Amino acid sequence: MNKWNRRSPLTGACAAIAVLALLLVIYSVTGPVPMAGTKRISIDVIYKDGSRDHYRITTEARFLLDALKLIPDLKVEGTTSDEEGLLVTAVNGREADIQKGEAYWELFCNGEPASYGVSMQPIKDGEAYTFQYTKIQKKPDKT
């Protein structure tokens, strides 16, 4: 075998480290940027039957999940993973579990779909968040 065709394991390790460093830089530039200081936000919950709950909070929290934990009458439950954070499956005891294939809790920020999940959604003063029960649209069978 030609000595020029052999690659050192060190070369592969250096390439992997370079890729990881690049991904870290990209995340730090494009990731969520929380706002420091006091913020006043509102949270609405729209349930399956169309009924609503409304909450207002003043907080120093930087991310939505941390602010939600400060509201005693609002209970958000779900499953947590290191990659995704909290996947909301129930709000105030009312379930909408996407893994069961029927519905999910959609998160909106100022009327638009949120850019991040509840764990990583940075909050800013004056923003309005909505958790909306959303049915999964099933595609019709083509039989």
C-alpha atoms as a PDB file:
ATOM      1  CA  MET A   1       0.000   0.000   0.000  1.00  0.00           C
ATOM      2  CA  ASN A   2       1.267   3.438  -0.847  1.00  0.00           C
ATOM      3  CA  LYS A   3       2.422   5.435   2.170  1.00  0.00           C
ATOM      4  CA  TRP A   4       0.507   8.480   0.871  1.00  0.00           C
ATOM      5  CA  ASN A   5      -2.847   6.656   0.832  1.00  0.00           C
ATOM      6  CA  ARG A   6      -2.791   5.788   4.515  1.00  0.00           C
ATOM      7  CA  ARG A   7      -4.478   8.252   6.827  1.00  0.00           C
ATOM      8  CA  SER A   8      -3.588   8.751  10.414  1.00  0.00           C
ATOM      9  CA  PRO A   9      -6.285   8.285  13.083  1.00  0.00           C
ATOM     10  CA  LEU A  10      -5.150  11.688  14.323  1.00  0.00           C
ATOM     11  CA  THR A  11      -6.343  13.260  11.059  1.00  0.00           C
ATOM     12  CA  GLY A  12      -9.852  11.870  11.579  1.00  0.00           C
ATOM     13  CA  ALA A  13      -9.959  13.042  15.177  1.00  0.00           C
ATOM     14  CA  CYS A  14      -8.853  16.541  14.183  1.00  0.00           C
ATOM     15  CA  ALA A  15     -11.533  16.677  11.484  1.00  0.00           C
ATOM     16  CA  ALA A  16     -14.214  15.584  13.973  1.00  0.00           C
ATOM     17  CA  ILE A  17     -13.110  18.236  16.474  1.00  0.00           C
ATOM     18  CA  ALA A  18     -13.170  20.897  13.751  1.00  0.00           C
ATOM     19  CA  VAL A  19     -16.723  19.931  12.745  1.00  0.00           C
ATOM     20  CA  LEU A  20     -17.915  19.997  16.364  1.00  0.00           C
ATOM     21  CA  ALA A  21     -16.312  23.411  16.904  1.00  0.00           C
ATOM     22  CA  LEU A  22     -18.023  24.733  13.766  1.00  0.00           C
ATOM     23  CA  LEU A  23     -21.407  23.419  14.938  1.00  0.00           C
ATOM     24  CA  LEU A  24     -20.912  25.062  18.337  1.00  0.00           C
ATOM     25  CA  VAL A  25     -20.122  28.404  16.679  1.00  0.00           C
ATOM     26  CA  ILE A  26     -23.195  28.123  14.434  1.00  0.00           C
ATOM     27  CA  TYR A  27     -25.435  27.323  17.426  1.00  0.00           C
ATOM     28  CA  SER A  28     -24.061  30.212  19.471  1.00  0.00           C
ATOM     29  CA  VAL A  29     -24.765  32.612  16.594  1.00  0.00           C
ATOM     30  CA  THR A  30     -28.193  31.270  15.572  1.00  0.00           C
ATOM     31  CA  GLY A  31     -29.489  29.815  18.848  1.00  0.00           C
ATOM     32  CA  PRO A  32     -32.104  31.437  21.065  1.00  0.00           C
ATOM     33  CA  VAL A  33     -31.060  34.729  22.639  1.00  0.00           C
ATOM     34  CA  PRO A  34     -32.794  35.411  25.953  1.00  0.00           C
ATOM     35  CA  MET A  35     -33.465  38.958  27.130  1.00  0.00           C
ATOM     36  CA  ALA A  36     -32.146  39.952  30.547  1.00  0.00           C
ATOM     37  CA  GLY A  37     -34.221  41.964  33.007  1.00  0.00           C
ATOM     38  CA  THR A  38     -37.859  42.142  33.988  1.00  0.00           C
ATOM     39  CA  LYS A  39     -40.426  41.099  31.396  1.00  0.00           C
ATOM     40  CA  ARG A  40     -44.218  41.146  31.384  1.00  0.00           C
ATOM     41  CA  ILE A  41     -45.722  38.399  29.257  1.00  0.00           C
ATOM     42  CA  SER A  42     -49.119  36.776  28.786  1.00  0.00           C
ATOM     43  CA  ILE A  43     -49.948  33.135  28.265  1.00  0.00           C
ATOM     44  CA  ASP A  44     -53.213  31.861  26.814  1.00  0.00           C
ATOM     45  CA  VAL A  45     -54.345  28.259  26.705  1.00  0.00           C
ATOM     46  CA  ILE A  46     -56.956  27.233  24.134  1.00  0.00           C
ATOM     47  CA  TYR A  47     -58.439  23.832  24.949  1.00  0.00           C
ATOM     48  CA  LYS A  48     -60.026  21.201  22.707  1.00  0.00           C
ATOM     49  CA  ASP A  49     -63.550  22.497  23.419  1.00  0.00           C
ATOM     50  CA  GLY A  50     -62.535  26.096  22.603  1.00  0.00           C
ATOM     51  CA  SER A  51     -62.542  27.294  26.209  1.00  0.00           C
ATOM     52  CA  ARG A  52     -59.614  29.464  27.300  1.00  0.00           C
ATOM     53  CA  ASP A  53     -57.466  30.330  30.256  1.00  0.00           C
ATOM     54  CA  HIS A  54     -55.438  33.540  30.415  1.00  0.00           C
ATOM     55  CA  TYR A  55     -52.395  34.285  32.564  1.00  0.00           C
ATOM     56  CA  ARG A  56     -50.141  37.320  32.988  1.00  0.00           C
ATOM     57  CA  ILE A  57     -46.777  37.288  34.678  1.00  0.00           C
ATOM     58  CA  THR A  58     -43.909  39.632  35.419  1.00  0.00           C
ATOM     59  CA  THR A  59     -40.672  37.693  35.571  1.00  0.00           C
ATOM     60  CA  GLU A  60     -36.900  37.779  35.390  1.00  0.00           C
ATOM     61  CA  ALA A  61     -36.932  34.345  33.680  1.00  0.00           C
ATOM     62  CA  ARG A  62     -35.162  34.146  30.351  1.00  0.00           C
ATOM     63  CA  PHE A  63     -36.961  31.159  28.830  1.00  0.00           C
ATOM     64  CA  LEU A  64     -40.672  30.382  28.635  1.00  0.00           C
ATOM     65  CA  LEU A  65     -40.570  27.130  30.622  1.00  0.00           C
ATOM     66  CA  ASP A  66     -38.914  28.896  33.562  1.00  0.00           C
ATOM     67  CA  ALA A  67     -41.650  31.568  33.504  1.00  0.00           C
ATOM     68  CA  LEU A  68     -44.411  28.932  33.322  1.00  0.00           C
ATOM     69  CA  LYS A  69     -43.086  27.268  36.476  1.00  0.00           C
ATOM     70  CA  LEU A  70     -43.778  30.508  38.369  1.00  0.00           C
ATOM     71  CA  ILE A  71     -47.547  30.437  37.627  1.00  0.00           C
ATOM     72  CA  PRO A  72     -49.216  28.329  40.342  1.00  0.00           C
ATOM     73  CA  ASP A  73     -52.505  27.822  38.435  1.00  0.00           C
ATOM     74  CA  LEU A  74     -50.795  26.665  35.226  1.00  0.00           C
ATOM     75  CA  LYS A  75     -49.541  23.098  35.038  1.00  0.00           C
ATOM     76  CA  VAL A  76     -47.578  22.062  31.943  1.00  0.00           C
ATOM     77  CA  GLU A  77     -46.564  18.399  31.700  1.00  0.00           C
ATOM     78  CA  GLY A  78     -44.701  16.297  29.197  1.00  0.00           C
ATOM     79  CA  THR A  79     -41.624  14.272  28.450  1.00  0.00           C
ATOM     80  CA  THR A  80     -38.132  15.729  28.543  1.00  0.00           C
ATOM     81  CA  SER A  81     -35.099  14.936  26.416  1.00  0.00           C
ATOM     82  CA  ASP A  82     -31.638  16.509  26.367  1.00  0.00           C
ATOM     83  CA  GLU A  83     -31.954  17.396  22.684  1.00  0.00           C
ATOM     84  CA  GLU A  84     -35.491  18.755  22.548  1.00  0.00           C
ATOM     85  CA  GLY A  85     -36.249  19.857  26.101  1.00  0.00           C
ATOM     86  CA  LEU A  86     -39.863  19.491  27.234  1.00  0.00           C
ATOM     87  CA  LEU A  87     -42.372  18.015  24.776  1.00  0.00           C
ATOM     88  CA  VAL A  88     -45.691  19.252  26.165  1.00  0.00           C
ATOM     89  CA  THR A  89     -48.316  16.506  26.361  1.00  0.00           C
ATOM     90  CA  ALA A  90     -50.763  18.050  28.838  1.00  0.00           C
ATOM     91  CA  VAL A  91     -51.756  21.532  29.972  1.00  0.00           C
ATOM     92  CA  ASN A  92     -53.759  21.843  33.184  1.00  0.00           C
ATOM     93  CA  GLY A  93     -54.450  18.115  33.100  1.00  0.00           C
ATOM     94  CA  ARG A  94     -55.837  18.115  29.545  1.00  0.00           C
ATOM     95  CA  GLU A  95     -53.880  15.774  27.344  1.00  0.00           C
ATOM     96  CA  ALA A  96     -52.890  16.217  23.717  1.00  0.00           C
ATOM     97  CA  ASP A  97     -50.117  13.741  23.034  1.00  0.00           C
ATOM     98  CA  ILE A  98     -48.676  13.793  19.505  1.00  0.00           C
ATOM     99  CA  GLN A  99     -47.155  10.358  20.071  1.00  0.00           C
ATOM    100  CA  LYS A 100     -50.679   8.946  20.335  1.00  0.00           C
ATOM    101  CA  GLY A 101     -51.393  10.412  16.888  1.00  0.00           C
ATOM    102  CA  GLU A 102     -54.492  12.475  17.675  1.00  0.00           C
ATOM    103  CA  ALA A 103     -53.458  15.985  18.710  1.00  0.00           C
ATOM    104  CA  TYR A 104     -50.673  18.102  20.164  1.00  0.00           C
ATOM    105  CA  TRP A 105     -50.164  21.376  22.023  1.00  0.00           C
ATOM    106  CA  GLU A 106     -49.019  23.931  19.474  1.00  0.00           C
ATOM    107  CA  LEU A 107     -47.019  26.871  20.832  1.00  0.00           C
ATOM    108  CA  PHE A 108     -47.460  30.344  19.367  1.00  0.00           C
ATOM    109  CA  CYS A 109     -45.545  33.547  20.055  1.00  0.00           C
ATOM    110  CA  ASN A 110     -47.449  36.736  19.189  1.00  0.00           C
ATOM    111  CA  GLY A 111     -49.826  34.742  16.976  1.00  0.00           C
ATOM    112  CA  GLU A 112     -47.081  33.028  14.945  1.00  0.00           C
ATOM    113  CA  PRO A 113     -45.742  29.500  15.445  1.00  0.00           C
ATOM    114  CA  ALA A 114     -42.926  29.689  18.002  1.00  0.00           C
ATOM    115  CA  SER A 115     -39.373  29.350  16.721  1.00  0.00           C
ATOM    116  CA  TYR A 116     -38.363  27.041  19.554  1.00  0.00           C
ATOM    117  CA  GLY A 117     -39.890  24.558  21.951  1.00  0.00           C
ATOM    118  CA  VAL A 118     -41.099  25.657  25.373  1.00  0.00           C
ATOM    119  CA  SER A 119     -37.738  24.899  27.040  1.00  0.00           C
ATOM    120  CA  MET A 120     -35.655  26.967  24.621  1.00  0.00           C
ATOM    121  CA  GLN A 121     -38.141  29.718  23.706  1.00  0.00           C
ATOM    122  CA  PRO A 122     -36.564  32.994  24.869  1.00  0.00           C
ATOM    123  CA  ILE A 123     -39.041  35.500  26.244  1.00  0.00           C
ATOM    124  CA  LYS A 124     -39.146  39.243  25.655  1.00  0.00           C
ATOM    125  CA  ASP A 125     -41.103  41.981  27.350  1.00  0.00           C
ATOM    126  CA  GLY A 126     -44.651  42.346  26.030  1.00  0.00           C
ATOM    127  CA  GLU A 127     -44.839  39.040  24.185  1.00  0.00           C
ATOM    128  CA  ALA A 128     -47.968  36.890  24.143  1.00  0.00           C
ATOM    129  CA  TYR A 129     -47.716  33.091  24.107  1.00  0.00           C
ATOM    130  CA  THR A 130     -50.482  30.644  23.321  1.00  0.00           C
ATOM    131  CA  PHE A 131     -50.740  26.908  23.860  1.00  0.00           C
ATOM    132  CA  GLN A 132     -53.406  25.671  21.458  1.00  0.00           C
ATOM    133  CA  TYR A 133     -54.870  22.187  21.325  1.00  0.00           C
ATOM    134  CA  THR A 134     -54.377  21.195  17.678  1.00  0.00           C
ATOM    135  CA  LYS A 135     -55.796  18.079  16.049  1.00  0.00           C
ATOM    136  CA  ILE A 136     -53.543  16.177  13.687  1.00  0.00           C
ATOM    137  CA  GLN A 137     -54.952  16.308  10.192  1.00  0.00           C
ATOM    138  CA  LYS A 138     -55.157  12.748   8.949  1.00  0.00           C
ATOM    139  CA  LYS A 139     -54.659  12.164   5.259  1.00  0.00           C
ATOM    140  CA  PRO A 140     -57.553  10.408   3.527  1.00  0.00           C
ATOM    141  CA  ASP A 141     -56.977   6.824   2.422  1.00  0.00           C
ATOM    142  CA  LYS A 142     -56.373   6.423  -1.312  1.00  0.00           C
ATOM    143  CA  THR A 143     -58.092   3.074  -1.601  1.00  0.00           C
END
